[in-house]
Amino acid sequence: MNASRSELPTVRSPGPDGRRGLPAHLRPTLIGLVALGGAVGSAARYGTEVLLPAPELTGGWPLATLCVNLLGAFALGFGLEALARPGRETPRRRNVRLVGGTGFLGGFTTYSAFALETQRLLSDGQAGTAIAYVLVTLVLGLSCCLAGVLLGERAGGAHPRRSRAAATEGSS
């Protein structure tokens, strides 16, 4: 199928006045929110890299990348759960999700550095450290995300469906 871009359907979400406008991914304001969050997140990632010891001082462990990825997994789990709990996404919650989740955490966390550092460890003959680094990152990353979701569940309030189900159970 060789359709030109103009022939492809687009989803248009309502603008602030309720009318259909540009698709969300083409709105300059929303792109700006992601860019702003990404710039701050990237600066925070760089600051973490400067503050934490280099891999040469930690037995090859890329501590800064491990820390930002674990913190990012927790923060994304927490943030998305807390934002989703109250119900349907509002423009304010969408903006928080874009600037904080897509922007800041997208700039703060780094899968590419994780992959590159794993390759460097393997190339340097540190296969055991590389395997441990991958396993620790994946297991702790999933655990941090789950912890964030569980905490976000509490912070975001009761989910409407669960509230109704609990009310139904209480009346029987």
C-alpha atoms as a PDB file:
ATOM      1  CA  MET A   1       0.000   0.000   0.000  1.00  0.00           C
ATOM      2  CA  ASN A   2       1.648   3.210  -1.158  1.00  0.00           C
ATOM      3  CA  ALA A   3      -0.616   5.882   0.249  1.00  0.00           C
ATOM      4  CA  SER A   4       0.725   9.371   0.502  1.00  0.00           C
ATOM      5  CA  ARG A   5       0.703  11.034   3.900  1.00  0.00           C
ATOM      6  CA  SER A   6      -2.281  13.185   2.915  1.00  0.00           C
ATOM      7  CA  GLU A   7      -4.352  10.065   2.145  1.00  0.00           C
ATOM      8  CA  LEU A   8      -3.795   8.522   5.579  1.00  0.00           C
ATOM      9  CA  PRO A   9      -6.575   9.032   8.126  1.00  0.00           C
ATOM     10  CA  THR A  10      -5.796  11.184  11.135  1.00  0.00           C
ATOM     11  CA  VAL A  11      -7.405  11.172  14.531  1.00  0.00           C
ATOM     12  CA  ARG A  12      -8.346  14.647  15.555  1.00  0.00           C
ATOM     13  CA  SER A  13      -8.986  15.434  19.177  1.00  0.00           C
ATOM     14  CA  PRO A  14     -10.995  18.439  20.284  1.00  0.00           C
ATOM     15  CA  GLY A  15      -9.146  21.650  21.009  1.00  0.00           C
ATOM     16  CA  PRO A  16      -9.763  23.810  24.101  1.00  0.00           C
ATOM     17  CA  ASP A  17     -12.908  25.218  22.476  1.00  0.00           C
ATOM     18  CA  GLY A  18     -14.321  21.724  21.807  1.00  0.00           C
ATOM     19  CA  ARG A  19     -13.757  21.887  18.036  1.00  0.00           C
ATOM     20  CA  ARG A  20     -11.689  19.366  16.171  1.00  0.00           C
ATOM     21  CA  GLY A  21      -8.226  20.697  15.380  1.00  0.00           C
ATOM     22  CA  LEU A  22      -4.796  19.336  14.651  1.00  0.00           C
ATOM     23  CA  PRO A  23      -4.078  15.785  15.805  1.00  0.00           C
ATOM     24  CA  ALA A  24      -2.515  15.801  19.254  1.00  0.00           C
ATOM     25  CA  HIS A  25       0.911  14.699  18.000  1.00  0.00           C
ATOM     26  CA  LEU A  26       1.064  17.746  15.700  1.00  0.00           C
ATOM     27  CA  ARG A  27      -0.001  20.414  18.196  1.00  0.00           C
ATOM     28  CA  PRO A  28       2.883  22.806  18.853  1.00  0.00           C
ATOM     29  CA  THR A  29       1.871  23.291  22.499  1.00  0.00           C
ATOM     30  CA  LEU A  30       1.929  19.559  23.233  1.00  0.00           C
ATOM     31  CA  ILE A  31       5.187  19.079  21.335  1.00  0.00           C
ATOM     32  CA  GLY A  32       6.623  21.951  23.388  1.00  0.00           C
ATOM     33  CA  LEU A  33       5.594  20.263  26.639  1.00  0.00           C
ATOM     34  CA  VAL A  34       7.382  17.066  25.634  1.00  0.00           C
ATOM     35  CA  ALA A  35      10.454  19.027  24.505  1.00  0.00           C
ATOM     36  CA  LEU A  36      10.561  21.033  27.738  1.00  0.00           C
ATOM     37  CA  GLY A  37      10.250  17.910  29.872  1.00  0.00           C
ATOM     38  CA  GLY A  38      12.846  16.116  27.743  1.00  0.00           C
ATOM     39  CA  ALA A  39      15.347  18.956  28.091  1.00  0.00           C
ATOM     40  CA  VAL A  40      15.004  19.009  31.879  1.00  0.00           C
ATOM     41  CA  GLY A  41      15.120  15.197  32.060  1.00  0.00           C
ATOM     42  CA  SER A  42      18.258  15.055  29.913  1.00  0.00           C
ATOM     43  CA  ALA A  43      19.941  17.675  32.096  1.00  0.00           C
ATOM     44  CA  ALA A  44      18.972  15.697  35.210  1.00  0.00           C
ATOM     45  CA  ARG A  45      20.405  12.541  33.654  1.00  0.00           C
ATOM     46  CA  TYR A  46      23.664  14.336  32.876  1.00  0.00           C
ATOM     47  CA  GLY A  47      23.779  15.674  36.432  1.00  0.00           C
ATOM     48  CA  THR A  48      23.342  12.148  37.770  1.00  0.00           C
ATOM     49  CA  GLU A  49      26.200  10.972  35.550  1.00  0.00           C
ATOM     50  CA  VAL A  50      28.438  13.723  36.943  1.00  0.00           C
ATOM     51  CA  LEU A  51      27.492  13.117  40.594  1.00  0.00           C
ATOM     52  CA  LEU A  52      27.786   9.317  40.713  1.00  0.00           C
ATOM     53  CA  PRO A  53      31.069   7.426  40.421  1.00  0.00           C
ATOM     54  CA  ALA A  54      32.239   6.386  36.965  1.00  0.00           C
ATOM     55  CA  PRO A  55      32.153   2.674  36.022  1.00  0.00           C
ATOM     56  CA  GLU A  56      35.941   2.540  36.433  1.00  0.00           C
ATOM     57  CA  LEU A  57      35.436   3.202  40.153  1.00  0.00           C
ATOM     58  CA  THR A  58      32.585   0.707  40.651  1.00  0.00           C
ATOM     59  CA  GLY A  59      34.066  -2.486  39.234  1.00  0.00           C
ATOM     60  CA  GLY A  60      32.641  -1.791  35.779  1.00  0.00           C
ATOM     61  CA  TRP A  61      29.098  -1.166  36.993  1.00  0.00           C
ATOM     62  CA  PRO A  62      27.469   1.772  35.145  1.00  0.00           C
ATOM     63  CA  LEU A  63      25.888   3.038  38.362  1.00  0.00           C
ATOM     64  CA  ALA A  64      24.448   6.273  36.950  1.00  0.00           C
ATOM     65  CA  THR A  65      22.573   4.510  34.147  1.00  0.00           C
ATOM     66  CA  LEU A  66      21.320   1.842  36.539  1.00  0.00           C
ATOM     67  CA  CYS A  67      20.070   4.488  38.973  1.00  0.00           C
ATOM     68  CA  VAL A  68      18.283   6.658  36.403  1.00  0.00           C
ATOM     69  CA  ASN A  69      16.623   3.640  34.803  1.00  0.00           C
ATOM     70  CA  LEU A  70      15.424   2.236  38.133  1.00  0.00           C
ATOM     71  CA  LEU A  71      14.212   5.620  39.347  1.00  0.00           C
ATOM     72  CA  GLY A  72      12.559   6.219  35.971  1.00  0.00           C
ATOM     73  CA  ALA A  73      10.787   2.842  36.070  1.00  0.00           C
ATOM     74  CA  PHE A  74       9.413   3.649  39.519  1.00  0.00           C
ATOM     75  CA  ALA A  75       8.392   7.189  38.558  1.00  0.00           C
ATOM     76  CA  LEU A  76       6.685   6.094  35.334  1.00  0.00           C
ATOM     77  CA  GLY A  77       4.765   3.323  37.095  1.00  0.00           C
ATOM     78  CA  PHE A  78       3.706   5.729  39.843  1.00  0.00           C
ATOM     79  CA  GLY A  79       2.857   8.625  37.562  1.00  0.00           C
ATOM     80  CA  LEU A  80       0.863   6.757  34.968  1.00  0.00           C
ATOM     81  CA  GLU A  81      -1.106   4.832  37.588  1.00  0.00           C
ATOM     82  CA  ALA A  82      -1.828   7.949  39.665  1.00  0.00           C
ATOM     83  CA  LEU A  83      -2.939   9.835  36.543  1.00  0.00           C
ATOM     84  CA  ALA A  84      -5.137   6.989  35.271  1.00  0.00           C
ATOM     85  CA  ARG A  85      -6.834   6.180  38.601  1.00  0.00           C
ATOM     86  CA  PRO A  86      -9.201   9.172  38.778  1.00  0.00           C
ATOM     87  CA  GLY A  87     -10.789   8.198  35.455  1.00  0.00           C
ATOM     88  CA  ARG A  88     -10.903   9.695  32.008  1.00  0.00           C
ATOM     89  CA  GLU A  89      -7.874  11.773  31.015  1.00  0.00           C
ATOM     90  CA  THR A  90      -8.384  15.515  31.321  1.00  0.00           C
ATOM     91  CA  PRO A  91      -6.317  18.125  29.455  1.00  0.00           C
ATOM     92  CA  ARG A  92      -4.422  18.877  32.680  1.00  0.00           C
ATOM     93  CA  ARG A  93      -3.574  15.206  33.324  1.00  0.00           C
ATOM     94  CA  ARG A  94      -2.597  14.803  29.659  1.00  0.00           C
ATOM     95  CA  ASN A  95      -0.203  17.743  29.980  1.00  0.00           C
ATOM     96  CA  VAL A  96       1.320  16.318  33.175  1.00  0.00           C
ATOM     97  CA  ARG A  97       1.723  12.927  31.452  1.00  0.00           C
ATOM     98  CA  LEU A  98       3.371  14.521  28.409  1.00  0.00           C
ATOM     99  CA  VAL A  99       5.770  16.816  30.257  1.00  0.00           C
ATOM    100  CA  GLY A 100       6.565  14.361  33.059  1.00  0.00           C
ATOM    101  CA  GLY A 101       6.266  10.895  31.535  1.00  0.00           C
ATOM    102  CA  THR A 102       7.024  11.277  27.850  1.00  0.00           C
ATOM    103  CA  GLY A 103       9.268  14.319  28.206  1.00  0.00           C
ATOM    104  CA  PHE A 104      11.144  14.280  31.504  1.00  0.00           C
ATOM    105  CA  LEU A 105      11.343  10.520  32.005  1.00  0.00           C
ATOM    106  CA  GLY A 106      12.003   9.981  28.292  1.00  0.00           C
ATOM    107  CA  GLY A 107      15.023  12.272  28.568  1.00  0.00           C
ATOM    108  CA  PHE A 108      16.065  11.022  31.999  1.00  0.00           C
ATOM    109  CA  THR A 109      16.057   7.272  31.381  1.00  0.00           C
ATOM    110  CA  THR A 110      18.183   5.587  28.767  1.00  0.00           C
ATOM    111  CA  TYR A 111      17.873   2.204  27.156  1.00  0.00           C
ATOM    112  CA  SER A 112      20.541   3.036  24.587  1.00  0.00           C
ATOM    113  CA  ALA A 113      23.209   3.685  27.253  1.00  0.00           C
ATOM    114  CA  PHE A 114      22.146   0.474  29.018  1.00  0.00           C
ATOM    115  CA  ALA A 115      22.669  -1.489  25.777  1.00  0.00           C
ATOM    116  CA  LEU A 116      25.952   0.272  24.977  1.00  0.00           C
ATOM    117  CA  GLU A 117      27.349  -0.243  28.468  1.00  0.00           C
ATOM    118  CA  THR A 118      26.395  -3.914  28.378  1.00  0.00           C
ATOM    119  CA  GLN A 119      28.241  -4.244  25.057  1.00  0.00           C
ATOM    120  CA  ARG A 120      31.262  -2.431  26.532  1.00  0.00           C
ATOM    121  CA  LEU A 121      31.358  -4.814  29.484  1.00  0.00           C
ATOM    122  CA  LEU A 122      31.222  -7.799  27.128  1.00  0.00           C
ATOM    123  CA  SER A 123      33.959  -6.336  24.914  1.00  0.00           C
ATOM    124  CA  ASP A 124      36.133  -5.737  27.973  1.00  0.00           C
ATOM    125  CA  GLY A 125      35.864  -9.416  28.900  1.00  0.00           C
ATOM    126  CA  GLN A 126      33.551  -8.778  31.857  1.00  0.00           C
ATOM    127  CA  ALA A 127      30.805 -11.206  30.820  1.00  0.00           C
ATOM    128  CA  GLY A 128      29.818 -11.958  34.418  1.00  0.00           C
ATOM    129  CA  THR A 129      29.422  -8.278  35.238  1.00  0.00           C
ATOM    130  CA  ALA A 130      27.495  -7.718  31.981  1.00  0.00           C
ATOM    131  CA  ILE A 131      25.069 -10.551  32.736  1.00  0.00           C
ATOM    132  CA  ALA A 132      24.622  -9.379  36.325  1.00  0.00           C
ATOM    133  CA  TYR A 133      24.063  -5.787  35.121  1.00  0.00           C
ATOM    134  CA  VAL A 134      21.375  -6.907  32.661  1.00  0.00           C
ATOM    135  CA  LEU A 135      19.628  -9.116  35.217  1.00  0.00           C
ATOM    136  CA  VAL A 136      19.748  -6.512  37.980  1.00  0.00           C
ATOM    137  CA  THR A 137      18.453  -3.821  35.617  1.00  0.00           C
ATOM    138  CA  LEU A 138      15.565  -5.961  34.374  1.00  0.00           C
ATOM    139  CA  VAL A 139      14.516  -7.519  37.692  1.00  0.00           C
ATOM    140  CA  LEU A 140      14.899  -4.365  39.768  1.00  0.00           C
ATOM    141  CA  GLY A 141      13.411  -2.239  36.971  1.00  0.00           C
ATOM    142  CA  LEU A 142      10.276  -4.374  36.891  1.00  0.00           C
ATOM    143  CA  SER A 143      10.143  -4.363  40.702  1.00  0.00           C
ATOM    144  CA  CYS A 144      10.523  -0.570  40.820  1.00  0.00           C
ATOM    145  CA  CYS A 145       7.784  -0.149  38.219  1.00  0.00           C
ATOM    146  CA  LEU A 146       5.460  -2.453  40.168  1.00  0.00           C
ATOM    147  CA  ALA A 147       6.204  -0.577  43.408  1.00  0.00           C
ATOM    148  CA  GLY A 148       5.434   2.684  41.605  1.00  0.00           C
ATOM    149  CA  VAL A 149       2.145   1.309  40.273  1.00  0.00           C
ATOM    150  CA  LEU A 150       1.123   0.104  43.738  1.00  0.00           C
ATOM    151  CA  LEU A 151       1.990   3.447  45.320  1.00  0.00           C
ATOM    152  CA  GLY A 152       0.328   5.306  42.431  1.00  0.00           C
ATOM    153  CA  GLU A 153      -2.810   3.259  43.001  1.00  0.00           C
ATOM    154  CA  ARG A 154      -3.017   4.673  46.525  1.00  0.00           C
ATOM    155  CA  ALA A 155      -2.105   8.211  45.498  1.00  0.00           C
ATOM    156  CA  GLY A 156      -4.514   8.312  42.557  1.00  0.00           C
ATOM    157  CA  GLY A 157      -7.618   7.445  44.561  1.00  0.00           C
ATOM    158  CA  ALA A 158     -10.158   4.737  44.013  1.00  0.00           C
ATOM    159  CA  HIS A 159     -10.798   3.533  40.512  1.00  0.00           C
ATOM    160  CA  PRO A 160     -14.440   4.151  39.521  1.00  0.00           C
ATOM    161  CA  ARG A 161     -15.081   0.507  38.548  1.00  0.00           C
ATOM    162  CA  ARG A 162     -13.575  -0.797  41.761  1.00  0.00           C
ATOM    163  CA  SER A 163     -15.601   1.685  43.810  1.00  0.00           C
ATOM    164  CA  ARG A 164     -18.834   0.467  42.214  1.00  0.00           C
ATOM    165  CA  ALA A 165     -17.841  -3.151  42.736  1.00  0.00           C
ATOM    166  CA  ALA A 166     -17.006  -2.484  46.388  1.00  0.00           C
ATOM    167  CA  ALA A 167     -20.344  -0.659  46.853  1.00  0.00           C
ATOM    168  CA  THR A 168     -22.201  -3.588  45.293  1.00  0.00           C
ATOM    169  CA  GLU A 169     -20.424  -6.085  47.551  1.00  0.00           C
ATOM    170  CA  GLY A 170     -21.198  -3.976  50.607  1.00  0.00           C
ATOM    171  CA  SER A 171     -24.940  -3.873  49.831  1.00  0.00           C
ATOM    172  CA  SER A 172     -25.408  -7.639  49.567  1.00  0.00           C
END
